[in-house]
Amino acid sequence: MSIKQDYKAVIFSGCAIESKSISLCDLRHFLPQYKGYTTGAYQVHSDNPRHKFSEIFKDIDEAVNKFVELKGLLK
């Protein structure tokens, strides 16, 4: 299983992932205003001063790809 598949499994189980000031979560599990969404509400957020970023994606693959991209920039 690839690391991206592992990340998706963690998100689908209702957990969030945090690494190097970057987070990935499905907002439907954490914020009441997203509970009724039938499509994804996957947030990728970075507080890193060099790579600040915050976006909500409908597609889990896009969100995971962005999360992995940002992690790679902070090596």
C-alpha atoms as a PDB file:
ATOM      1  CA  MET A   1       0.000   0.000   0.000  1.00  0.00           C
ATOM      2  CA  SER A   2       1.376   3.436  -0.876  1.00  0.00           C
ATOM      3  CA  ILE A   3       1.784   6.277   1.586  1.00  0.00           C
ATOM      4  CA  LYS A   4      -1.001   8.190  -0.190  1.00  0.00           C
ATOM      5  CA  GLN A   5      -3.352   5.230   0.277  1.00  0.00           C
ATOM      6  CA  ASP A   6      -2.349   5.128   3.954  1.00  0.00           C
ATOM      7  CA  TYR A   7      -3.148   8.836   4.337  1.00  0.00           C
ATOM      8  CA  LYS A   8      -6.534   8.345   2.696  1.00  0.00           C
ATOM      9  CA  ALA A   9      -7.329   5.435   5.026  1.00  0.00           C
ATOM     10  CA  VAL A  10      -6.518   7.594   8.064  1.00  0.00           C
ATOM     11  CA  ILE A  11      -8.773  10.413   6.817  1.00  0.00           C
ATOM     12  CA  PHE A  12     -11.603   7.999   5.935  1.00  0.00           C
ATOM     13  CA  SER A  13     -11.425   6.574   9.465  1.00  0.00           C
ATOM     14  CA  GLY A  14     -12.247  10.028  10.865  1.00  0.00           C
ATOM     15  CA  CYS A  15      -8.789  11.097  11.995  1.00  0.00           C
ATOM     16  CA  ALA A  16      -6.604  14.026  10.973  1.00  0.00           C
ATOM     17  CA  ILE A  17      -2.942  13.970   9.950  1.00  0.00           C
ATOM     18  CA  GLU A  18      -0.416  16.540  11.112  1.00  0.00           C
ATOM     19  CA  SER A  19       3.213  16.750  10.076  1.00  0.00           C
ATOM     20  CA  LYS A  20       5.713  19.614  10.059  1.00  0.00           C
ATOM     21  CA  SER A  21       3.048  22.308  10.634  1.00  0.00           C
ATOM     22  CA  ILE A  22       0.872  20.852   7.843  1.00  0.00           C
ATOM     23  CA  SER A  23      -2.491  19.238   8.468  1.00  0.00           C
ATOM     24  CA  LEU A  24      -4.974  17.219   6.439  1.00  0.00           C
ATOM     25  CA  CYS A  25      -8.497  16.428   7.624  1.00  0.00           C
ATOM     26  CA  ASP A  26     -12.065  15.914   6.496  1.00  0.00           C
ATOM     27  CA  LEU A  27     -13.935  18.847   8.002  1.00  0.00           C
ATOM     28  CA  ARG A  28     -17.131  16.772   8.067  1.00  0.00           C
ATOM     29  CA  HIS A  29     -15.671  14.958  11.088  1.00  0.00           C
ATOM     30  CA  PHE A  30     -14.729  18.110  12.998  1.00  0.00           C
ATOM     31  CA  LEU A  31     -17.068  21.017  12.232  1.00  0.00           C
ATOM     32  CA  PRO A  32     -20.873  20.889  12.522  1.00  0.00           C
ATOM     33  CA  GLN A  33     -21.422  23.159   9.524  1.00  0.00           C
ATOM     34  CA  TYR A  34     -19.857  20.478   7.259  1.00  0.00           C
ATOM     35  CA  LYS A  35     -21.769  17.460   8.678  1.00  0.00           C
ATOM     36  CA  GLY A  36     -24.402  17.429   5.912  1.00  0.00           C
ATOM     37  CA  TYR A  37     -21.930  17.593   3.018  1.00  0.00           C
ATOM     38  CA  THR A  38     -22.207  14.606   0.711  1.00  0.00           C
ATOM     39  CA  THR A  39     -18.995  15.475  -1.122  1.00  0.00           C
ATOM     40  CA  GLY A  40     -15.678  15.821   0.606  1.00  0.00           C
ATOM     41  CA  ALA A  41     -14.544  18.809   2.593  1.00  0.00           C
ATOM     42  CA  TYR A  42     -10.866  17.930   2.858  1.00  0.00           C
ATOM     43  CA  GLN A  43      -8.776  20.741   4.274  1.00  0.00           C
ATOM     44  CA  VAL A  44      -5.044  21.039   3.755  1.00  0.00           C
ATOM     45  CA  HIS A  45      -3.525  23.716   5.957  1.00  0.00           C
ATOM     46  CA  SER A  46       0.043  24.899   6.559  1.00  0.00           C
ATOM     47  CA  ASP A  47       1.172  27.435   9.146  1.00  0.00           C
ATOM     48  CA  ASN A  48       4.769  27.292   7.984  1.00  0.00           C
ATOM     49  CA  PRO A  49       6.020  30.860   7.438  1.00  0.00           C
ATOM     50  CA  ARG A  50       7.665  29.944   4.112  1.00  0.00           C
ATOM     51  CA  HIS A  51       4.770  27.902   2.758  1.00  0.00           C
ATOM     52  CA  LYS A  52       1.512  29.236   4.189  1.00  0.00           C
ATOM     53  CA  PHE A  53      -1.450  27.490   2.601  1.00  0.00           C
ATOM     54  CA  SER A  54      -5.075  26.687   3.357  1.00  0.00           C
ATOM     55  CA  GLU A  55      -7.605  25.204   0.968  1.00  0.00           C
ATOM     56  CA  ILE A  56     -10.639  22.929   1.081  1.00  0.00           C
ATOM     57  CA  PHE A  57     -10.813  20.222  -1.573  1.00  0.00           C
ATOM     58  CA  LYS A  58     -13.815  18.143  -2.663  1.00  0.00           C
ATOM     59  CA  ASP A  59     -11.555  15.364  -3.930  1.00  0.00           C
ATOM     60  CA  ILE A  60      -9.488  13.330  -1.453  1.00  0.00           C
ATOM     61  CA  ASP A  61      -6.795  12.581  -4.044  1.00  0.00           C
ATOM     62  CA  GLU A  62      -6.222  16.274  -4.737  1.00  0.00           C
ATOM     63  CA  ALA A  63      -6.029  16.993  -1.010  1.00  0.00           C
ATOM     64  CA  VAL A  64      -3.575  14.154  -0.354  1.00  0.00           C
ATOM     65  CA  ASN A  65      -1.420  15.206  -3.315  1.00  0.00           C
ATOM     66  CA  LYS A  66      -1.245  18.774  -1.982  1.00  0.00           C
ATOM     67  CA  PHE A  67      -0.430  17.519   1.525  1.00  0.00           C
ATOM     68  CA  VAL A  68       2.427  15.371   0.157  1.00  0.00           C
ATOM     69  CA  GLU A  69       3.665  18.268  -1.998  1.00  0.00           C
ATOM     70  CA  LEU A  70       3.799  20.638   0.975  1.00  0.00           C
ATOM     71  CA  LYS A  71       5.527  18.012   3.137  1.00  0.00           C
ATOM     72  CA  GLY A  72       8.180  17.655   0.426  1.00  0.00           C
ATOM     73  CA  LEU A  73       8.838  21.415   0.418  1.00  0.00           C
ATOM     74  CA  LEU A  74       9.583  21.369   4.141  1.00  0.00           C
ATOM     75  CA  LYS A  75      12.325  18.723   4.130  1.00  0.00           C
END
